[in-house]
Amino acid sequence: MQPDRPLDYYIERLFAQLDKAEFATEMEVQRAYRLLAGDLIYKLTPTVTYRNGTLRLRFAAAALRHEMTLRRESLRQKLNAELHGEVIKKILIS
């Protein structure tokens, strides 16, 4: 820490790094979801977002939404294995 810089400078840098880390994690979750779901399922998932341990998936087809709801826990475990840790704590499907 340099004495000539105000504390605000360091606080802003900290928040910028936290946002980048969250963005990188979201990109990794989306990559892992696409890999595990496959291209067809990924195309039928118009919304894939990740924030604070929660993965939100929105499906265009009701039958697919129902199937993925039944497989939610299996999907969560496989995604966490692909991501090498307990990144996803909950999956919300709509």
PDB file of N, CA and C in Angstrom:
ATOM      1  N   MET A   1       0.839  -1.180   0.000  1.00  0.00           N
ATOM      2  CA  MET A   1       0.000   0.000   0.000  1.00  0.00           C
ATOM      3  C   MET A   1       0.880   1.238   0.000  1.00  0.00           C
ATOM      4  N   GLN A   2       0.585   2.138  -0.905  1.00  0.00           N
ATOM      5  CA  GLN A   2       1.354   3.371  -0.988  1.00  0.00           C
ATOM      6  C   GLN A   2       0.650   4.456  -0.190  1.00  0.00           C
ATOM      7  N   PRO A   3       1.396   5.214   0.600  1.00  0.00           N
ATOM      8  CA  PRO A   3       0.764   6.227   1.452  1.00  0.00           C
ATOM      9  C   PRO A   3       0.152   7.393   0.678  1.00  0.00           C
ATOM     10  N   ASP A   4       0.552   7.610  -0.583  1.00  0.00           N
ATOM     11  CA  ASP A   4       0.032   8.758  -1.325  1.00  0.00           C
ATOM     12  C   ASP A   4      -1.308   8.461  -2.007  1.00  0.00           C
ATOM     13  N   ARG A   5      -1.802   7.235  -1.934  1.00  0.00           N
ATOM     14  CA  ARG A   5      -3.089   6.887  -2.557  1.00  0.00           C
ATOM     15  C   ARG A   5      -4.165   6.814  -1.485  1.00  0.00           C
ATOM     16  N   PRO A   6      -5.347   7.351  -1.795  1.00  0.00           N
ATOM     17  CA  PRO A   6      -6.432   7.310  -0.813  1.00  0.00           C
ATOM     18  C   PRO A   6      -7.003   5.893  -0.687  1.00  0.00           C
ATOM     19  N   LEU A   7      -7.660   5.665   0.418  1.00  0.00           N
ATOM     20  CA  LEU A   7      -8.264   4.365   0.679  1.00  0.00           C
ATOM     21  C   LEU A   7      -9.313   4.009  -0.376  1.00  0.00           C
ATOM     22  N   ASP A   8     -10.003   5.006  -0.909  1.00  0.00           N
ATOM     23  CA  ASP A   8     -11.008   4.764  -1.947  1.00  0.00           C
ATOM     24  C   ASP A   8     -10.416   4.027  -3.149  1.00  0.00           C
ATOM     25  N   TYR A   9      -9.196   4.361  -3.487  1.00  0.00           N
ATOM     26  CA  TYR A   9      -8.525   3.719  -4.612  1.00  0.00           C
ATOM     27  C   TYR A   9      -8.450   2.206  -4.402  1.00  0.00           C
ATOM     28  N   TYR A  10      -8.058   1.793  -3.209  1.00  0.00           N
ATOM     29  CA  TYR A  10      -7.908   0.366  -2.914  1.00  0.00           C
ATOM     30  C   TYR A  10      -9.259  -0.330  -2.811  1.00  0.00           C
ATOM     31  N   ILE A  11     -10.242   0.357  -2.326  1.00  0.00           N
ATOM     32  CA  ILE A  11     -11.585  -0.223  -2.243  1.00  0.00           C
ATOM     33  C   ILE A  11     -12.135  -0.453  -3.641  1.00  0.00           C
ATOM     34  N   GLU A  12     -11.968   0.512  -4.533  1.00  0.00           N
ATOM     35  CA  GLU A  12     -12.430   0.360  -5.912  1.00  0.00           C
ATOM     36  C   GLU A  12     -11.717  -0.790  -6.613  1.00  0.00           C
ATOM     37  N   ARG A  13     -10.432  -0.928  -6.384  1.00  0.00           N
ATOM     38  CA  ARG A  13      -9.678  -2.038  -6.994  1.00  0.00           C
ATOM     39  C   ARG A  13     -10.160  -3.383  -6.471  1.00  0.00           C
ATOM     40  N   LEU A  14     -10.474  -3.453  -5.193  1.00  0.00           N
ATOM     41  CA  LEU A  14     -10.968  -4.696  -4.610  1.00  0.00           C
ATOM     42  C   LEU A  14     -12.294  -5.093  -5.244  1.00  0.00           C
ATOM     43  N   PHE A  15     -13.221  -4.145  -5.369  1.00  0.00           N
ATOM     44  CA  PHE A  15     -14.514  -4.445  -5.986  1.00  0.00           C
ATOM     45  C   PHE A  15     -14.358  -4.834  -7.450  1.00  0.00           C
ATOM     46  N   ALA A  16     -13.456  -4.221  -8.164  1.00  0.00           N
ATOM     47  CA  ALA A  16     -13.225  -4.566  -9.564  1.00  0.00           C
ATOM     48  C   ALA A  16     -12.733  -6.008  -9.683  1.00  0.00           C
ATOM     49  N   GLN A  17     -11.853  -6.417  -8.782  1.00  0.00           N
ATOM     50  CA  GLN A  17     -11.355  -7.789  -8.807  1.00  0.00           C
ATOM     51  C   GLN A  17     -12.456  -8.780  -8.448  1.00  0.00           C
ATOM     52  N   LEU A  18     -13.307  -8.446  -7.500  1.00  0.00           N
ATOM     53  CA  LEU A  18     -14.402  -9.334  -7.125  1.00  0.00           C
ATOM     54  C   LEU A  18     -15.374  -9.514  -8.285  1.00  0.00           C
ATOM     55  N   ASP A  19     -15.697  -8.450  -8.995  1.00  0.00           N
ATOM     56  CA  ASP A  19     -16.591  -8.545 -10.141  1.00  0.00           C
ATOM     57  C   ASP A  19     -15.986  -9.423 -11.233  1.00  0.00           C
ATOM     58  N   LYS A  20     -14.690  -9.299 -11.471  1.00  0.00           N
ATOM     59  CA  LYS A  20     -14.031 -10.114 -12.487  1.00  0.00           C
ATOM     60  C   LYS A  20     -14.052 -11.580 -12.090  1.00  0.00           C
ATOM     61  N   ALA A  21     -13.858 -11.866 -10.814  1.00  0.00           N
ATOM     62  CA  ALA A  21     -13.875 -13.253 -10.349  1.00  0.00           C
ATOM     63  C   ALA A  21     -15.260 -13.849 -10.522  1.00  0.00           C
ATOM     64  N   GLU A  22     -16.301 -13.103 -10.204  1.00  0.00           N
ATOM     65  CA  GLU A  22     -17.679 -13.587 -10.362  1.00  0.00           C
ATOM     66  C   GLU A  22     -17.987 -13.803 -11.843  1.00  0.00           C
ATOM     67  N   PHE A  23     -17.538 -12.908 -12.702  1.00  0.00           N
ATOM     68  CA  PHE A  23     -17.761 -13.040 -14.140  1.00  0.00           C
ATOM     69  C   PHE A  23     -17.046 -14.280 -14.671  1.00  0.00           C
ATOM     70  N   ALA A  24     -15.810 -14.492 -14.228  1.00  0.00           N
ATOM     71  CA  ALA A  24     -15.057 -15.666 -14.672  1.00  0.00           C
ATOM     72  C   ALA A  24     -15.762 -16.938 -14.231  1.00  0.00           C
ATOM     73  N   THR A  25     -16.282 -16.971 -13.028  1.00  0.00           N
ATOM     74  CA  THR A  25     -16.990 -18.145 -12.544  1.00  0.00           C
ATOM     75  C   THR A  25     -18.250 -18.371 -13.367  1.00  0.00           C
ATOM     76  N   GLU A  26     -18.985 -17.323 -13.687  1.00  0.00           N
ATOM     77  CA  GLU A  26     -20.196 -17.470 -14.494  1.00  0.00           C
ATOM     78  C   GLU A  26     -19.855 -18.040 -15.867  1.00  0.00           C
ATOM     79  N   MET A  27     -18.773 -17.583 -16.459  1.00  0.00           N
ATOM     80  CA  MET A  27     -18.358 -18.098 -17.763  1.00  0.00           C
ATOM     81  C   MET A  27     -17.989 -19.573 -17.671  1.00  0.00           C
ATOM     82  N   GLU A  28     -17.308 -19.962 -16.593  1.00  0.00           N
ATOM     83  CA  GLU A  28     -16.939 -21.361 -16.404  1.00  0.00           C
ATOM     84  C   GLU A  28     -18.174 -22.240 -16.205  1.00  0.00           C
ATOM     85  N   VAL A  29     -19.160 -21.747 -15.462  1.00  0.00           N
ATOM     86  CA  VAL A  29     -20.396 -22.500 -15.240  1.00  0.00           C
ATOM     87  C   VAL A  29     -21.129 -22.678 -16.567  1.00  0.00           C
ATOM     88  N   GLN A  30     -21.221 -21.637 -17.363  1.00  0.00           N
ATOM     89  CA  GLN A  30     -21.887 -21.743 -18.661  1.00  0.00           C
ATOM     90  C   GLN A  30     -21.155 -22.709 -19.578  1.00  0.00           C
ATOM     91  N   ARG A  31     -19.836 -22.666 -19.559  1.00  0.00           N
ATOM     92  CA  ARG A  31     -19.047 -23.599 -20.369  1.00  0.00           C
ATOM     93  C   ARG A  31     -19.303 -25.038 -19.931  1.00  0.00           C
ATOM     94  N   ALA A  32     -19.296 -25.276 -18.631  1.00  0.00           N
ATOM     95  CA  ALA A  32     -19.521 -26.627 -18.109  1.00  0.00           C
ATOM     96  C   ALA A  32     -20.936 -27.102 -18.428  1.00  0.00           C
ATOM     97  N   TYR A  33     -21.922 -26.213 -18.311  1.00  0.00           N
ATOM     98  CA  TYR A  33     -23.301 -26.588 -18.628  1.00  0.00           C
ATOM     99  C   TYR A  33     -23.420 -26.972 -20.103  1.00  0.00           C
ATOM    100  N   ARG A  34     -22.826 -26.195 -20.971  1.00  0.00           N
ATOM    101  CA  ARG A  34     -22.890 -26.505 -22.408  1.00  0.00           C
ATOM    102  C   ARG A  34     -22.223 -27.841 -22.708  1.00  0.00           C
ATOM    103  N   LEU A  35     -21.099 -28.105 -22.067  1.00  0.00           N
ATOM    104  CA  LEU A  35     -20.385 -29.357 -22.264  1.00  0.00           C
ATOM    105  C   LEU A  35     -21.235 -30.556 -21.814  1.00  0.00           C
ATOM    106  N   LEU A  36     -21.838 -30.454 -20.627  1.00  0.00           N
ATOM    107  CA  LEU A  36     -22.607 -31.572 -20.081  1.00  0.00           C
ATOM    108  C   LEU A  36     -23.979 -31.724 -20.722  1.00  0.00           C
ATOM    109  N   ALA A  37     -24.632 -30.627 -21.043  1.00  0.00           N
ATOM    110  CA  ALA A  37     -25.984 -30.691 -21.612  1.00  0.00           C
ATOM    111  C   ALA A  37     -25.954 -31.034 -23.095  1.00  0.00           C
ATOM    112  N   GLY A  38     -24.914 -30.647 -23.766  1.00  0.00           N
ATOM    113  CA  GLY A  38     -24.845 -30.855 -25.216  1.00  0.00           C
ATOM    114  C   GLY A  38     -25.406 -29.653 -25.952  1.00  0.00           C
ATOM    115  N   ASP A  39     -25.089 -29.562 -27.211  1.00  0.00           N
ATOM    116  CA  ASP A  39     -25.472 -28.388 -27.996  1.00  0.00           C
ATOM    117  C   ASP A  39     -26.984 -28.226 -28.144  1.00  0.00           C
ATOM    118  N   LEU A  40     -27.709 -29.326 -28.354  1.00  0.00           N
ATOM    119  CA  LEU A  40     -29.157 -29.223 -28.551  1.00  0.00           C
ATOM    120  C   LEU A  40     -29.852 -28.701 -27.300  1.00  0.00           C
ATOM    121  N   ILE A  41     -29.564 -29.286 -26.152  1.00  0.00           N
ATOM    122  CA  ILE A  41     -30.184 -28.837 -24.898  1.00  0.00           C
ATOM    123  C   ILE A  41     -29.762 -27.402 -24.597  1.00  0.00           C
ATOM    124  N   TYR A  42     -28.487 -27.091 -24.854  1.00  0.00           N
ATOM    125  CA  TYR A  42     -28.000 -25.735 -24.608  1.00  0.00           C
ATOM    126  C   TYR A  42     -28.764 -24.715 -25.460  1.00  0.00           C
ATOM    127  N   LYS A  43     -29.056 -25.069 -26.694  1.00  0.00           N
ATOM    128  CA  LYS A  43     -29.812 -24.164 -27.578  1.00  0.00           C
ATOM    129  C   LYS A  43     -31.253 -23.990 -27.102  1.00  0.00           C
ATOM    130  N   LEU A  44     -31.791 -24.993 -26.419  1.00  0.00           N
ATOM    131  CA  LEU A  44     -33.159 -24.913 -25.899  1.00  0.00           C
ATOM    132  C   LEU A  44     -33.210 -24.297 -24.503  1.00  0.00           C
ATOM    133  N   THR A  45     -32.077 -23.793 -24.037  1.00  0.00           N
ATOM    134  CA  THR A  45     -31.982 -23.118 -22.745  1.00  0.00           C
ATOM    135  C   THR A  45     -31.648 -21.649 -23.002  1.00  0.00           C
ATOM    136  N   PRO A  46     -32.674 -20.798 -23.203  1.00  0.00           N
ATOM    137  CA  PRO A  46     -32.382 -19.404 -23.541  1.00  0.00           C
ATOM    138  C   PRO A  46     -31.703 -18.616 -22.423  1.00  0.00           C
ATOM    139  N   THR A  47     -31.872 -19.050 -21.172  1.00  0.00           N
ATOM    140  CA  THR A  47     -31.264 -18.321 -20.061  1.00  0.00           C
ATOM    141  C   THR A  47     -30.452 -19.279 -19.197  1.00  0.00           C
ATOM    142  N   VAL A  48     -29.150 -18.987 -19.098  1.00  0.00           N
ATOM    143  CA  VAL A  48     -28.242 -19.714 -18.215  1.00  0.00           C
ATOM    144  C   VAL A  48     -27.460 -18.656 -17.462  1.00  0.00           C
ATOM    145  N   THR A  49     -27.793 -18.457 -16.189  1.00  0.00           N
ATOM    146  CA  THR A  49     -27.078 -17.453 -15.399  1.00  0.00           C
ATOM    147  C   THR A  49     -26.632 -18.059 -14.080  1.00  0.00           C
ATOM    148  N   TYR A  50     -25.528 -17.557 -13.570  1.00  0.00           N
ATOM    149  CA  TYR A  50     -24.971 -18.029 -12.302  1.00  0.00           C
ATOM    150  C   TYR A  50     -24.630 -16.821 -11.443  1.00  0.00           C
ATOM    151  N   ARG A  51     -25.040 -16.889 -10.182  1.00  0.00           N
ATOM    152  CA  ARG A  51     -24.703 -15.821  -9.246  1.00  0.00           C
ATOM    153  C   ARG A  51     -24.788 -16.358  -7.826  1.00  0.00           C
ATOM    154  N   ASN A  52     -23.744 -16.144  -7.061  1.00  0.00           N
ATOM    155  CA  ASN A  52     -23.699 -16.491  -5.639  1.00  0.00           C
ATOM    156  C   ASN A  52     -24.113 -17.928  -5.348  1.00  0.00           C
ATOM    157  N   GLY A  53     -23.613 -18.871  -6.127  1.00  0.00           N
ATOM    158  CA  GLY A  53     -23.881 -20.275  -5.878  1.00  0.00           C
ATOM    159  C   GLY A  53     -25.179 -20.802  -6.460  1.00  0.00           C
ATOM    160  N   THR A  54     -25.948 -19.956  -7.140  1.00  0.00           N
ATOM    161  CA  THR A  54     -27.229 -20.374  -7.711  1.00  0.00           C
ATOM    162  C   THR A  54     -27.160 -20.320  -9.233  1.00  0.00           C
ATOM    163  N   LEU A  55     -27.483 -21.454  -9.850  1.00  0.00           N
ATOM    164  CA  LEU A  55     -27.568 -21.539 -11.306  1.00  0.00           C
ATOM    165  C   LEU A  55     -29.033 -21.450 -11.688  1.00  0.00           C
ATOM    166  N   ARG A  56     -29.360 -20.513 -12.557  1.00  0.00           N
ATOM    167  CA  ARG A  56     -30.743 -20.346 -13.039  1.00  0.00           C
ATOM    168  C   ARG A  56     -30.813 -20.786 -14.489  1.00  0.00           C
ATOM    169  N   LEU A  57     -31.738 -21.708 -14.744  1.00  0.00           N
ATOM    170  CA  LEU A  57     -31.950 -22.209 -16.098  1.00  0.00           C
ATOM    171  C   LEU A  57     -33.389 -21.966 -16.493  1.00  0.00           C
ATOM    172  N   ARG A  58     -33.596 -21.421 -17.673  1.00  0.00           N
ATOM    173  CA  ARG A  58     -34.946 -21.227 -18.209  1.00  0.00           C
ATOM    174  C   ARG A  58     -35.027 -22.004 -19.513  1.00  0.00           C
ATOM    175  N   PHE A  59     -36.052 -22.827 -19.621  1.00  0.00           N
ATOM    176  CA  PHE A  59     -36.194 -23.688 -20.796  1.00  0.00           C
ATOM    177  C   PHE A  59     -37.361 -23.241 -21.653  1.00  0.00           C
ATOM    178  N   ALA A  60     -37.201 -23.413 -22.973  1.00  0.00           N
ATOM    179  CA  ALA A  60     -38.240 -23.022 -23.917  1.00  0.00           C
ATOM    180  C   ALA A  60     -39.358 -24.055 -23.983  1.00  0.00           C
ATOM    181  N   ALA A  61     -39.050 -25.314 -23.727  1.00  0.00           N
ATOM    182  CA  ALA A  61     -40.034 -26.389 -23.848  1.00  0.00           C
ATOM    183  C   ALA A  61     -40.434 -26.919 -22.464  1.00  0.00           C
ATOM    184  N   ALA A  62     -41.736 -27.073 -22.255  1.00  0.00           N
ATOM    185  CA  ALA A  62     -42.244 -27.536 -20.963  1.00  0.00           C
ATOM    186  C   ALA A  62     -41.764 -28.948 -20.637  1.00  0.00           C
ATOM    187  N   ALA A  63     -41.733 -29.829 -21.629  1.00  0.00           N
ATOM    188  CA  ALA A  63     -41.293 -31.204 -21.383  1.00  0.00           C
ATOM    189  C   ALA A  63     -39.831 -31.237 -20.946  1.00  0.00           C
ATOM    190  N   LEU A  64     -39.003 -30.417 -21.569  1.00  0.00           N
ATOM    191  CA  LEU A  64     -37.595 -30.341 -21.186  1.00  0.00           C
ATOM    192  C   LEU A  64     -37.448 -29.745 -19.789  1.00  0.00           C
ATOM    193  N   ARG A  65     -38.238 -28.744 -19.486  1.00  0.00           N
ATOM    194  CA  ARG A  65     -38.213 -28.132 -18.152  1.00  0.00           C
ATOM    195  C   ARG A  65     -38.542 -29.176 -17.090  1.00  0.00           C
ATOM    196  N   HIS A  66     -39.561 -30.000 -17.346  1.00  0.00           N
ATOM    197  CA  HIS A  66     -39.955 -31.045 -16.399  1.00  0.00           C
ATOM    198  C   HIS A  66     -38.836 -32.081 -16.232  1.00  0.00           C
ATOM    199  N   GLU A  67     -38.266 -32.514 -17.338  1.00  0.00           N
ATOM    200  CA  GLU A  67     -37.181 -33.502 -17.293  1.00  0.00           C
ATOM    201  C   GLU A  67     -35.977 -32.972 -16.524  1.00  0.00           C
ATOM    202  N   MET A  68     -35.620 -31.732 -16.766  1.00  0.00           N
ATOM    203  CA  MET A  68     -34.466 -31.145 -16.079  1.00  0.00           C
ATOM    204  C   MET A  68     -34.760 -30.914 -14.601  1.00  0.00           C
ATOM    205  N   THR A  69     -36.012 -30.656 -14.262  1.00  0.00           N
ATOM    206  CA  THR A  69     -36.380 -30.527 -12.849  1.00  0.00           C
ATOM    207  C   THR A  69     -36.149 -31.851 -12.129  1.00  0.00           C
ATOM    208  N   LEU A  70     -36.491 -32.956 -12.791  1.00  0.00           N
ATOM    209  CA  LEU A  70     -36.284 -34.278 -12.190  1.00  0.00           C
ATOM    210  C   LEU A  70     -34.800 -34.613 -12.055  1.00  0.00           C
ATOM    211  N   ARG A  71     -33.987 -34.106 -12.957  1.00  0.00           N
ATOM    212  CA  ARG A  71     -32.553 -34.405 -12.971  1.00  0.00           C
ATOM    213  C   ARG A  71     -31.695 -33.295 -12.349  1.00  0.00           C
ATOM    214  N   ARG A  72     -32.323 -32.383 -11.664  1.00  0.00           N
ATOM    215  CA  ARG A  72     -31.633 -31.206 -11.121  1.00  0.00           C
ATOM    216  C   ARG A  72     -30.441 -31.564 -10.234  1.00  0.00           C
ATOM    217  N   GLU A  73     -30.631 -32.471  -9.281  1.00  0.00           N
ATOM    218  CA  GLU A  73     -29.553 -32.811  -8.348  1.00  0.00           C
ATOM    219  C   GLU A  73     -28.406 -33.528  -9.070  1.00  0.00           C
ATOM    220  N   SER A  74     -28.740 -34.410  -9.988  1.00  0.00           N
ATOM    221  CA  SER A  74     -27.710 -35.097 -10.771  1.00  0.00           C
ATOM    222  C   SER A  74     -26.908 -34.093 -11.593  1.00  0.00           C
ATOM    223  N   LEU A  75     -27.597 -33.146 -12.198  1.00  0.00           N
ATOM    224  CA  LEU A  75     -26.935 -32.107 -12.980  1.00  0.00           C
ATOM    225  C   LEU A  75     -26.019 -31.266 -12.097  1.00  0.00           C
ATOM    226  N   ARG A  76     -26.494 -30.907 -10.921  1.00  0.00           N
ATOM    227  CA  ARG A  76     -25.683 -30.107  -9.990  1.00  0.00           C
ATOM    228  C   ARG A  76     -24.396 -30.844  -9.619  1.00  0.00           C
ATOM    229  N   GLN A  77     -24.514 -32.139  -9.322  1.00  0.00           N
ATOM    230  CA  GLN A  77     -23.332 -32.922  -8.953  1.00  0.00           C
ATOM    231  C   GLN A  77     -22.344 -33.028 -10.104  1.00  0.00           C
ATOM    232  N   LYS A  78     -22.848 -33.257 -11.310  1.00  0.00           N
ATOM    233  CA  LYS A  78     -21.971 -33.372 -12.476  1.00  0.00           C
ATOM    234  C   LYS A  78     -21.288 -32.045 -12.801  1.00  0.00           C
ATOM    235  N   LEU A  79     -22.037 -30.957 -12.685  1.00  0.00           N
ATOM    236  CA  LEU A  79     -21.436 -29.639 -12.933  1.00  0.00           C
ATOM    237  C   LEU A  79     -20.349 -29.339 -11.913  1.00  0.00           C
ATOM    238  N   ASN A  80     -20.615 -29.624 -10.645  1.00  0.00           N
ATOM    239  CA  ASN A  80     -19.603 -29.385  -9.611  1.00  0.00           C
ATOM    240  C   ASN A  80     -18.366 -30.253  -9.829  1.00  0.00           C
ATOM    241  N   ALA A  81     -18.559 -31.487 -10.299  1.00  0.00           N
ATOM    242  CA  ALA A  81     -17.411 -32.340 -10.610  1.00  0.00           C
ATOM    243  C   ALA A  81     -16.599 -31.738 -11.764  1.00  0.00           C
ATOM    244  N   GLU A  82     -17.289 -31.235 -12.763  1.00  0.00           N
ATOM    245  CA  GLU A  82     -16.612 -30.611 -13.903  1.00  0.00           C
ATOM    246  C   GLU A  82     -15.878 -29.330 -13.489  1.00  0.00           C
ATOM    247  N   LEU A  83     -16.448 -28.612 -12.522  1.00  0.00           N
ATOM    248  CA  LEU A  83     -15.868 -27.349 -12.056  1.00  0.00           C
ATOM    249  C   LEU A  83     -14.853 -27.546 -10.931  1.00  0.00           C
ATOM    250  N   HIS A  84     -14.655 -28.796 -10.513  1.00  0.00           N
ATOM    251  CA  HIS A  84     -13.665 -29.153  -9.486  1.00  0.00           C
ATOM    252  C   HIS A  84     -13.922 -28.479  -8.145  1.00  0.00           C
ATOM    253  N   GLY A  85     -15.159 -28.517  -7.689  1.00  0.00           N
ATOM    254  CA  GLY A  85     -15.479 -27.947  -6.379  1.00  0.00           C
ATOM    255  C   GLY A  85     -16.969 -27.749  -6.221  1.00  0.00           C
ATOM    256  N   GLU A  86     -17.361 -27.335  -5.052  1.00  0.00           N
ATOM    257  CA  GLU A  86     -18.776 -27.093  -4.736  1.00  0.00           C
ATOM    258  C   GLU A  86     -19.135 -25.666  -5.129  1.00  0.00           C
ATOM    259  N   VAL A  87     -19.146 -25.407  -6.437  1.00  0.00           N
ATOM    260  CA  VAL A  87     -19.431 -24.074  -6.963  1.00  0.00           C
ATOM    261  C   VAL A  87     -20.921 -23.807  -6.981  1.00  0.00           C
ATOM    262  N   ILE A  88     -21.702 -24.790  -7.440  1.00  0.00           N
ATOM    263  CA  ILE A  88     -23.147 -24.638  -7.553  1.00  0.00           C
ATOM    264  C   ILE A  88     -23.815 -25.270  -6.345  1.00  0.00           C
ATOM    265  N   LYS A  89     -24.526 -24.463  -5.590  1.00  0.00           N
ATOM    266  CA  LYS A  89     -25.211 -24.947  -4.401  1.00  0.00           C
ATOM    267  C   LYS A  89     -26.691 -25.236  -4.668  1.00  0.00           C
ATOM    268  N   LYS A  90     -27.257 -24.527  -5.664  1.00  0.00           N
ATOM    269  CA  LYS A  90     -28.682 -24.674  -5.947  1.00  0.00           C
ATOM    270  C   LYS A  90     -28.910 -24.397  -7.427  1.00  0.00           C
ATOM    271  N   ILE A  91     -29.884 -25.133  -8.010  1.00  0.00           N
ATOM    272  CA  ILE A  91     -30.290 -24.889  -9.387  1.00  0.00           C
ATOM    273  C   ILE A  91     -31.767 -24.533  -9.395  1.00  0.00           C
ATOM    274  N   LEU A  92     -32.085 -23.385  -9.954  1.00  0.00           N
ATOM    275  CA  LEU A  92     -33.472 -22.948 -10.106  1.00  0.00           C
ATOM    276  C   LEU A  92     -33.863 -23.111 -11.567  1.00  0.00           C
ATOM    277  N   ILE A  93     -34.996 -23.770 -11.790  1.00  0.00           N
ATOM    278  CA  ILE A  93     -35.451 -24.055 -13.154  1.00  0.00           C
ATOM    279  C   ILE A  93     -36.801 -23.400 -13.378  1.00  0.00           C
ATOM    280  N   SER A  94     -36.905 -22.698 -14.498  1.00  0.00           N
ATOM    281  CA  SER A  94     -38.195 -22.078 -14.869  1.00  0.00           C
ATOM    282  C   SER A  94     -38.405 -22.206 -16.348  1.00  0.00           C
TER     283      SER A  94
END
